[in-house]
Amino acid sequence: MNTGIFIIAHAPLANALRQCVLHVFPDAATAVEVFDVQPNMPSDETLQGARTMMALLGRPQTLVLTDLFGATPCNVAQKLVDGVNSRLIAGVNLPMLLRAVTYRNESLDALVTRTLAGGTQGVMQVAVTAPQNQRRKVHDQNNYDHQQ
């Protein structure tokens, strides 16, 4: 199905995320489009610019990703999405975006599910040293606190 991916975020995040994606998936250049929302840009200009950039994808379906729920990029994105041929996810991160690009040929519903999973599974606490090299504190109750 090859869904287009559109990122709208506070400048310069959208472009930075696209550059990261193209580093991993150089063949995805035509599948990912972005719009960086500039500070103090009027909302009508922001909406028009976002519509123009999203239209460049030329795809029958679009997954729209934005950085922060309730902020200007998300508010503009909500006006772009119809819920049928396009969906919106707030809280974009790189693991989420890489998952979206990887599975962009699946149905829009499946893509949303995989993208959300990529975003949440990509966030984790990482131990500084290997667990077997860490000294246990006397008050530690859980013997499994370093397992995932």
N, C-alpha and C. Protein backbone atom coordinates (compact mmCIF):
# COMPACT_ATOMS: atom_id res chain seq x y z
N MET A 1 0.82 -1.20 0.00
CA MET A 1 0.00 0.00 0.00
C MET A 1 0.87 1.26 0.00
N ASN A 2 2.06 1.20 0.56
CA ASN A 2 3.04 2.28 0.57
C ASN A 2 2.47 3.61 1.05
N THR A 3 2.25 3.67 2.33
CA THR A 3 1.75 4.87 2.99
C THR A 3 2.84 5.92 3.06
N GLY A 4 2.47 7.17 2.84
CA GLY A 4 3.40 8.27 3.01
C GLY A 4 3.52 8.63 4.49
N ILE A 5 4.67 9.14 4.87
CA ILE A 5 4.90 9.54 6.26
C ILE A 5 5.22 11.02 6.26
N PHE A 6 4.46 11.77 7.04
CA PHE A 6 4.61 13.22 7.12
C PHE A 6 4.91 13.60 8.56
N ILE A 7 6.01 14.30 8.77
CA ILE A 7 6.41 14.74 10.11
C ILE A 7 6.25 16.25 10.18
N ILE A 8 5.49 16.70 11.18
CA ILE A 8 5.35 18.13 11.44
C ILE A 8 5.75 18.34 12.90
N ALA A 9 6.77 19.19 13.10
CA ALA A 9 7.31 19.38 14.44
C ALA A 9 7.95 20.75 14.56
N HIS A 10 8.28 21.11 15.79
CA HIS A 10 8.99 22.36 16.04
C HIS A 10 10.35 22.32 15.33
N ALA A 11 10.68 23.44 14.65
CA ALA A 11 11.95 23.53 13.94
C ALA A 11 13.12 23.38 14.92
N PRO A 12 14.13 22.65 14.56
CA PRO A 12 14.44 21.94 13.31
C PRO A 12 14.20 20.44 13.42
N LEU A 13 13.34 20.00 14.34
CA LEU A 13 13.19 18.57 14.63
C LEU A 13 12.71 17.75 13.44
N ALA A 14 11.73 18.24 12.71
CA ALA A 14 11.19 17.45 11.59
C ALA A 14 12.27 17.12 10.57
N ASN A 15 13.02 18.12 10.15
CA ASN A 15 14.10 17.88 9.18
C ASN A 15 15.19 17.00 9.75
N ALA A 16 15.51 17.18 11.03
CA ALA A 16 16.55 16.34 11.66
C ALA A 16 16.12 14.87 11.69
N LEU A 17 14.86 14.61 12.01
CA LEU A 17 14.37 13.24 12.01
C LEU A 17 14.41 12.64 10.60
N ARG A 18 14.05 13.43 9.62
CA ARG A 18 14.09 12.93 8.23
C ARG A 18 15.52 12.58 7.84
N GLN A 19 16.47 13.40 8.20
CA GLN A 19 17.86 13.11 7.87
C GLN A 19 18.34 11.82 8.54
N CYS A 20 17.89 11.58 9.77
CA CYS A 20 18.23 10.32 10.45
C CYS A 20 17.64 9.12 9.72
N VAL A 21 16.39 9.26 9.29
CA VAL A 21 15.74 8.17 8.55
C VAL A 21 16.48 7.89 7.25
N LEU A 22 16.85 8.93 6.54
CA LEU A 22 17.52 8.74 5.26
C LEU A 22 18.92 8.18 5.43
N HIS A 23 19.51 8.36 6.59
CA HIS A 23 20.80 7.75 6.89
C HIS A 23 20.66 6.22 6.92
N VAL A 24 19.54 5.75 7.48
CA VAL A 24 19.28 4.31 7.60
C VAL A 24 18.59 3.76 6.36
N PHE A 25 17.64 4.51 5.81
CA PHE A 25 16.85 4.09 4.65
C PHE A 25 16.95 5.13 3.54
N PRO A 26 18.07 5.18 2.81
CA PRO A 26 18.20 6.20 1.77
C PRO A 26 17.13 6.09 0.68
N ASP A 27 16.56 4.90 0.50
CA ASP A 27 15.53 4.70 -0.51
C ASP A 27 14.17 5.26 -0.10
N ALA A 28 14.04 5.78 1.12
CA ALA A 28 12.75 6.28 1.63
C ALA A 28 12.55 7.77 1.38
N ALA A 29 13.42 8.39 0.62
CA ALA A 29 13.37 9.84 0.42
C ALA A 29 12.01 10.33 -0.10
N THR A 30 11.39 9.57 -0.99
CA THR A 30 10.11 10.01 -1.54
C THR A 30 8.93 9.63 -0.65
N ALA A 31 9.16 8.82 0.36
CA ALA A 31 8.08 8.36 1.25
C ALA A 31 7.94 9.21 2.51
N VAL A 32 8.94 10.04 2.79
CA VAL A 32 8.93 10.83 4.03
C VAL A 32 9.06 12.31 3.68
N GLU A 33 8.08 13.08 4.12
CA GLU A 33 8.10 14.52 3.91
C GLU A 33 7.95 15.19 5.27
N VAL A 34 8.45 16.42 5.39
CA VAL A 34 8.45 17.10 6.68
C VAL A 34 8.05 18.56 6.56
N PHE A 35 7.65 19.10 7.71
CA PHE A 35 7.40 20.53 7.82
C PHE A 35 7.85 20.97 9.20
N ASP A 36 8.83 21.87 9.23
CA ASP A 36 9.32 22.44 10.48
C ASP A 36 8.51 23.69 10.79
N VAL A 37 7.86 23.70 11.94
CA VAL A 37 7.09 24.87 12.36
C VAL A 37 8.05 25.88 12.98
N GLN A 38 8.10 27.04 12.38
CA GLN A 38 9.00 28.09 12.84
C GLN A 38 8.36 28.90 13.97
N PRO A 39 9.20 29.42 14.87
CA PRO A 39 8.65 30.24 15.95
C PRO A 39 7.95 31.47 15.38
N ASN A 40 6.86 31.86 16.00
CA ASN A 40 6.11 33.07 15.66
C ASN A 40 5.50 33.06 14.26
N MET A 41 5.42 31.89 13.62
CA MET A 41 4.76 31.81 12.31
C MET A 41 3.25 31.81 12.55
N PRO A 42 2.50 32.65 11.85
CA PRO A 42 1.04 32.66 12.02
C PRO A 42 0.45 31.27 11.71
N SER A 43 -0.59 30.92 12.44
CA SER A 43 -1.16 29.57 12.30
C SER A 43 -1.72 29.31 10.91
N ASP A 44 -2.28 30.33 10.24
CA ASP A 44 -2.80 30.11 8.89
C ASP A 44 -1.67 29.82 7.90
N GLU A 45 -0.52 30.47 8.07
CA GLU A 45 0.64 30.18 7.22
C GLU A 45 1.19 28.79 7.52
N THR A 46 1.19 28.43 8.79
CA THR A 46 1.67 27.10 9.19
C THR A 46 0.79 26.02 8.56
N LEU A 47 -0.51 26.20 8.65
CA LEU A 47 -1.43 25.22 8.08
C LEU A 47 -1.26 25.13 6.57
N GLN A 48 -1.17 26.24 5.88
CA GLN A 48 -1.01 26.22 4.42
C GLN A 48 0.31 25.56 4.02
N GLY A 49 1.38 25.89 4.73
CA GLY A 49 2.68 25.28 4.42
C GLY A 49 2.67 23.78 4.66
N ALA A 50 2.03 23.36 5.75
CA ALA A 50 1.95 21.93 6.06
C ALA A 50 1.12 21.20 5.01
N ARG A 51 0.02 21.79 4.59
CA ARG A 51 -0.81 21.16 3.54
C ARG A 51 -0.02 20.98 2.25
N THR A 52 0.74 22.00 1.89
CA THR A 52 1.54 21.94 0.67
C THR A 52 2.58 20.82 0.75
N MET A 53 3.28 20.74 1.87
CA MET A 53 4.32 19.72 2.02
C MET A 53 3.72 18.32 2.08
N MET A 54 2.61 18.16 2.77
CA MET A 54 1.96 16.85 2.86
C MET A 54 1.49 16.39 1.48
N ALA A 55 1.01 17.33 0.67
CA ALA A 55 0.53 16.99 -0.67
C ALA A 55 1.67 16.50 -1.57
N LEU A 56 2.90 16.91 -1.27
CA LEU A 56 4.04 16.46 -2.08
C LEU A 56 4.26 14.96 -2.01
N LEU A 57 3.75 14.34 -0.94
CA LEU A 57 3.89 12.89 -0.82
C LEU A 57 3.15 12.17 -1.95
N GLY A 58 1.98 12.69 -2.32
CA GLY A 58 1.21 12.09 -3.40
C GLY A 58 0.82 10.64 -3.15
N ARG A 59 0.53 10.31 -1.91
CA ARG A 59 0.18 8.94 -1.55
C ARG A 59 -1.31 8.87 -1.19
N PRO A 60 -1.96 7.73 -1.41
CA PRO A 60 -3.37 7.61 -1.06
C PRO A 60 -3.60 7.61 0.46
N GLN A 61 -2.56 7.23 1.21
CA GLN A 61 -2.67 7.22 2.67
C GLN A 61 -1.44 7.87 3.27
N THR A 62 -1.65 8.53 4.42
CA THR A 62 -0.54 9.23 5.07
C THR A 62 -0.60 9.01 6.57
N LEU A 63 0.55 8.71 7.14
CA LEU A 63 0.71 8.67 8.59
C LEU A 63 1.40 9.97 8.97
N VAL A 64 0.74 10.76 9.81
CA VAL A 64 1.28 12.05 10.24
C VAL A 64 1.83 11.87 11.65
N LEU A 65 3.07 12.31 11.84
CA LEU A 65 3.74 12.22 13.14
C LEU A 65 4.09 13.63 13.59
N THR A 66 3.82 13.91 14.84
CA THR A 66 4.13 15.22 15.40
C THR A 66 4.82 15.06 16.74
N ASP A 67 5.48 16.12 17.18
CA ASP A 67 6.33 15.99 18.36
C ASP A 67 5.61 16.07 19.69
N LEU A 68 4.70 16.97 19.87
CA LEU A 68 4.15 17.22 21.20
C LEU A 68 2.65 17.47 21.14
N PHE A 69 1.88 16.62 21.79
CA PHE A 69 0.43 16.79 21.81
C PHE A 69 0.07 18.13 22.44
N GLY A 70 -0.83 18.85 21.80
CA GLY A 70 -1.32 20.11 22.32
C GLY A 70 -0.55 21.33 21.86
N ALA A 71 0.62 21.13 21.26
CA ALA A 71 1.42 22.25 20.76
C ALA A 71 0.99 22.58 19.32
N THR A 72 1.49 23.68 18.82
CA THR A 72 1.11 24.16 17.48
C THR A 72 1.25 23.10 16.39
N PRO A 73 2.38 22.38 16.28
CA PRO A 73 2.47 21.38 15.22
C PRO A 73 1.35 20.33 15.29
N CYS A 74 1.03 19.89 16.48
CA CYS A 74 -0.04 18.89 16.64
C CYS A 74 -1.40 19.49 16.31
N ASN A 75 -1.64 20.72 16.75
CA ASN A 75 -2.91 21.38 16.47
C ASN A 75 -3.12 21.56 14.97
N VAL A 76 -2.05 21.91 14.26
CA VAL A 76 -2.12 22.04 12.80
C VAL A 76 -2.35 20.67 12.18
N ALA A 77 -1.61 19.67 12.65
CA ALA A 77 -1.74 18.32 12.10
C ALA A 77 -3.15 17.78 12.25
N GLN A 78 -3.81 18.11 13.34
CA GLN A 78 -5.19 17.64 13.53
C GLN A 78 -6.11 18.15 12.43
N LYS A 79 -5.79 19.30 11.87
CA LYS A 79 -6.60 19.85 10.78
C LYS A 79 -6.28 19.19 9.44
N LEU A 80 -5.14 18.51 9.37
CA LEU A 80 -4.73 17.84 8.13
C LEU A 80 -5.27 16.42 8.01
N VAL A 81 -5.57 15.80 9.14
CA VAL A 81 -5.88 14.37 9.19
C VAL A 81 -7.39 14.15 9.15
N ASP A 82 -7.79 13.20 8.30
CA ASP A 82 -9.23 12.90 8.19
C ASP A 82 -9.65 11.64 8.94
N GLY A 83 -8.70 10.85 9.45
CA GLY A 83 -9.04 9.64 10.21
C GLY A 83 -9.34 8.44 9.34
N VAL A 84 -9.43 8.62 8.03
CA VAL A 84 -9.72 7.53 7.11
C VAL A 84 -8.49 7.24 6.25
N ASN A 85 -8.05 8.25 5.51
CA ASN A 85 -6.88 8.10 4.65
C ASN A 85 -5.61 8.60 5.32
N SER A 86 -5.75 9.13 6.51
CA SER A 86 -4.59 9.62 7.24
C SER A 86 -4.84 9.47 8.74
N ARG A 87 -3.76 9.26 9.47
CA ARG A 87 -3.82 9.11 10.93
C ARG A 87 -2.73 9.96 11.54
N LEU A 88 -2.92 10.32 12.80
CA LEU A 88 -2.00 11.20 13.50
C LEU A 88 -1.51 10.53 14.78
N ILE A 89 -0.20 10.58 15.00
CA ILE A 89 0.41 10.11 16.24
C ILE A 89 1.29 11.24 16.77
N ALA A 90 1.09 11.59 18.03
CA ALA A 90 1.93 12.60 18.70
C ALA A 90 2.99 11.90 19.53
N GLY A 91 4.12 12.58 19.72
CA GLY A 91 5.21 12.03 20.52
C GLY A 91 6.25 11.33 19.68
N VAL A 92 6.47 11.79 18.47
CA VAL A 92 7.40 11.11 17.56
C VAL A 92 8.80 11.00 18.18
N ASN A 93 9.40 9.85 17.98
CA ASN A 93 10.81 9.64 18.33
C ASN A 93 11.44 8.82 17.22
N LEU A 94 12.74 8.70 17.23
CA LEU A 94 13.42 8.01 16.14
C LEU A 94 13.07 6.53 16.04
N PRO A 95 13.00 5.77 17.15
CA PRO A 95 12.60 4.36 17.00
C PRO A 95 11.21 4.21 16.36
N MET A 96 10.29 5.11 16.74
CA MET A 96 8.95 5.09 16.16
C MET A 96 9.01 5.35 14.66
N LEU A 97 9.78 6.33 14.28
CA LEU A 97 9.87 6.71 12.88
C LEU A 97 10.52 5.61 12.03
N LEU A 98 11.57 5.01 12.55
CA LEU A 98 12.21 3.92 11.82
C LEU A 98 11.26 2.75 11.65
N ARG A 99 10.46 2.46 12.66
CA ARG A 99 9.46 1.39 12.55
C ARG A 99 8.43 1.76 11.49
N ALA A 100 7.99 3.00 11.46
CA ALA A 100 7.01 3.43 10.47
C ALA A 100 7.54 3.28 9.05
N VAL A 101 8.76 3.67 8.84
CA VAL A 101 9.36 3.55 7.51
C VAL A 101 9.51 2.08 7.12
N THR A 102 9.91 1.27 8.07
CA THR A 102 10.09 -0.16 7.80
C THR A 102 8.80 -0.82 7.33
N TYR A 103 7.68 -0.46 7.94
CA TYR A 103 6.40 -1.12 7.66
C TYR A 103 5.43 -0.26 6.86
N ARG A 104 5.93 0.71 6.11
CA ARG A 104 5.06 1.63 5.38
C ARG A 104 4.24 0.96 4.29
N ASN A 105 4.56 -0.29 3.93
CA ASN A 105 3.79 -0.99 2.90
C ASN A 105 2.61 -1.77 3.47
N GLU A 106 2.43 -1.76 4.78
CA GLU A 106 1.28 -2.43 5.39
C GLU A 106 0.07 -1.51 5.38
N SER A 107 -1.08 -2.04 5.77
CA SER A 107 -2.29 -1.22 5.84
C SER A 107 -2.08 -0.10 6.86
N LEU A 108 -2.85 0.95 6.73
CA LEU A 108 -2.71 2.09 7.63
C LEU A 108 -2.96 1.69 9.08
N ASP A 109 -3.95 0.85 9.34
CA ASP A 109 -4.22 0.40 10.71
C ASP A 109 -3.04 -0.38 11.28
N ALA A 110 -2.48 -1.29 10.50
CA ALA A 110 -1.33 -2.07 10.96
C ALA A 110 -0.12 -1.18 11.15
N LEU A 111 0.05 -0.20 10.28
CA LEU A 111 1.17 0.72 10.39
C LEU A 111 1.08 1.54 11.68
N VAL A 112 -0.09 2.01 12.01
CA VAL A 112 -0.27 2.77 13.26
C VAL A 112 0.11 1.90 14.46
N THR A 113 -0.36 0.67 14.47
CA THR A 113 -0.05 -0.25 15.58
C THR A 113 1.45 -0.49 15.69
N ARG A 114 2.10 -0.78 14.58
CA ARG A 114 3.54 -1.04 14.59
C ARG A 114 4.34 0.21 14.98
N THR A 115 3.89 1.36 14.51
CA THR A 115 4.58 2.61 14.81
C THR A 115 4.51 2.93 16.30
N LEU A 116 3.33 2.78 16.89
CA LEU A 116 3.18 3.02 18.33
C LEU A 116 4.05 2.04 19.13
N ALA A 117 4.09 0.80 18.71
CA ALA A 117 4.93 -0.20 19.40
C ALA A 117 6.40 0.18 19.29
N GLY A 118 6.82 0.63 18.13
CA GLY A 118 8.22 1.04 17.96
C GLY A 118 8.59 2.20 18.86
N GLY A 119 7.66 3.12 19.01
CA GLY A 119 7.91 4.27 19.87
C GLY A 119 8.05 3.91 21.32
N THR A 120 7.19 3.02 21.79
CA THR A 120 7.24 2.65 23.21
C THR A 120 8.36 1.66 23.49
N GLN A 121 8.59 0.72 22.58
CA GLN A 121 9.64 -0.28 22.80
C GLN A 121 11.04 0.32 22.66
N GLY A 122 11.13 1.45 22.00
CA GLY A 122 12.43 2.09 21.81
C GLY A 122 12.87 2.94 22.99
N VAL A 123 12.00 3.09 23.98
CA VAL A 123 12.34 3.87 25.18
C VAL A 123 12.59 2.91 26.32
N MET A 124 13.80 2.94 26.86
CA MET A 124 14.14 2.03 27.95
C MET A 124 15.31 2.58 28.74
N GLN A 125 15.41 2.17 29.98
CA GLN A 125 16.57 2.50 30.79
C GLN A 125 17.68 1.52 30.44
N VAL A 126 18.88 2.03 30.26
CA VAL A 126 20.01 1.20 29.89
C VAL A 126 21.02 1.22 31.03
N ALA A 127 21.45 0.02 31.46
CA ALA A 127 22.43 -0.07 32.53
C ALA A 127 23.77 0.44 32.04
N VAL A 128 24.49 1.14 32.91
CA VAL A 128 25.79 1.69 32.54
C VAL A 128 26.82 0.58 32.43
N THR A 129 26.72 -0.42 33.29
CA THR A 129 27.63 -1.56 33.24
C THR A 129 26.79 -2.83 33.19
N ALA A 130 27.43 -3.92 32.86
CA ALA A 130 26.73 -5.20 32.80
C ALA A 130 26.22 -5.55 34.19
N PRO A 131 25.00 -6.08 34.31
CA PRO A 131 24.42 -6.41 35.62
C PRO A 131 25.31 -7.31 36.47
N GLN A 132 26.03 -8.23 35.86
CA GLN A 132 26.87 -9.14 36.64
C GLN A 132 28.05 -8.42 37.29
N ASN A 133 28.36 -7.23 36.82
CA ASN A 133 29.47 -6.46 37.39
C ASN A 133 29.03 -5.44 38.43
N GLN A 134 27.73 -5.33 38.64
CA GLN A 134 27.22 -4.36 39.60
C GLN A 134 27.06 -4.99 40.97
N ARG A 135 27.47 -4.26 41.99
CA ARG A 135 27.30 -4.74 43.36
C ARG A 135 25.86 -4.52 43.78
N ARG A 136 25.29 -5.51 44.40
CA ARG A 136 23.91 -5.40 44.88
C ARG A 136 23.91 -4.64 46.19
N LYS A 137 22.96 -3.78 46.35
CA LYS A 137 22.79 -3.06 47.60
C LYS A 137 21.97 -3.93 48.54
N VAL A 138 22.25 -3.81 49.81
CA VAL A 138 21.58 -4.64 50.81
C VAL A 138 20.07 -4.46 50.77
N HIS A 139 19.60 -3.26 50.50
CA HIS A 139 18.16 -3.01 50.53
C HIS A 139 17.44 -3.42 49.25
N ASP A 140 18.16 -3.92 48.24
CA ASP A 140 17.51 -4.38 47.02
C ASP A 140 16.67 -5.62 47.33
N GLN A 141 15.39 -5.53 47.04
CA GLN A 141 14.47 -6.63 47.30
C GLN A 141 14.27 -7.51 46.07
N ASN A 142 14.40 -6.91 44.90
CA ASN A 142 14.07 -7.60 43.67
C ASN A 142 15.34 -8.16 43.03
N ASN A 143 15.43 -9.44 42.87
CA ASN A 143 16.59 -10.06 42.24
C ASN A 143 16.59 -9.91 40.72
N TYR A 144 15.53 -9.36 40.15
CA TYR A 144 15.38 -9.29 38.69
C TYR A 144 15.37 -7.85 38.19
N ASP A 145 15.88 -6.91 38.97
CA ASP A 145 15.74 -5.52 38.59
C ASP A 145 16.55 -5.12 37.36
N HIS A 146 17.45 -5.96 36.86
CA HIS A 146 18.20 -5.63 35.65
C HIS A 146 17.75 -6.42 34.44
N GLN A 147 16.75 -7.24 34.59
CA GLN A 147 16.27 -8.03 33.45
C GLN A 147 15.18 -7.25 32.73
N GLN A 148 15.08 -7.52 31.43
CA GLN A 148 14.03 -6.87 30.64
C GLN A 148 13.03 -7.86 30.17
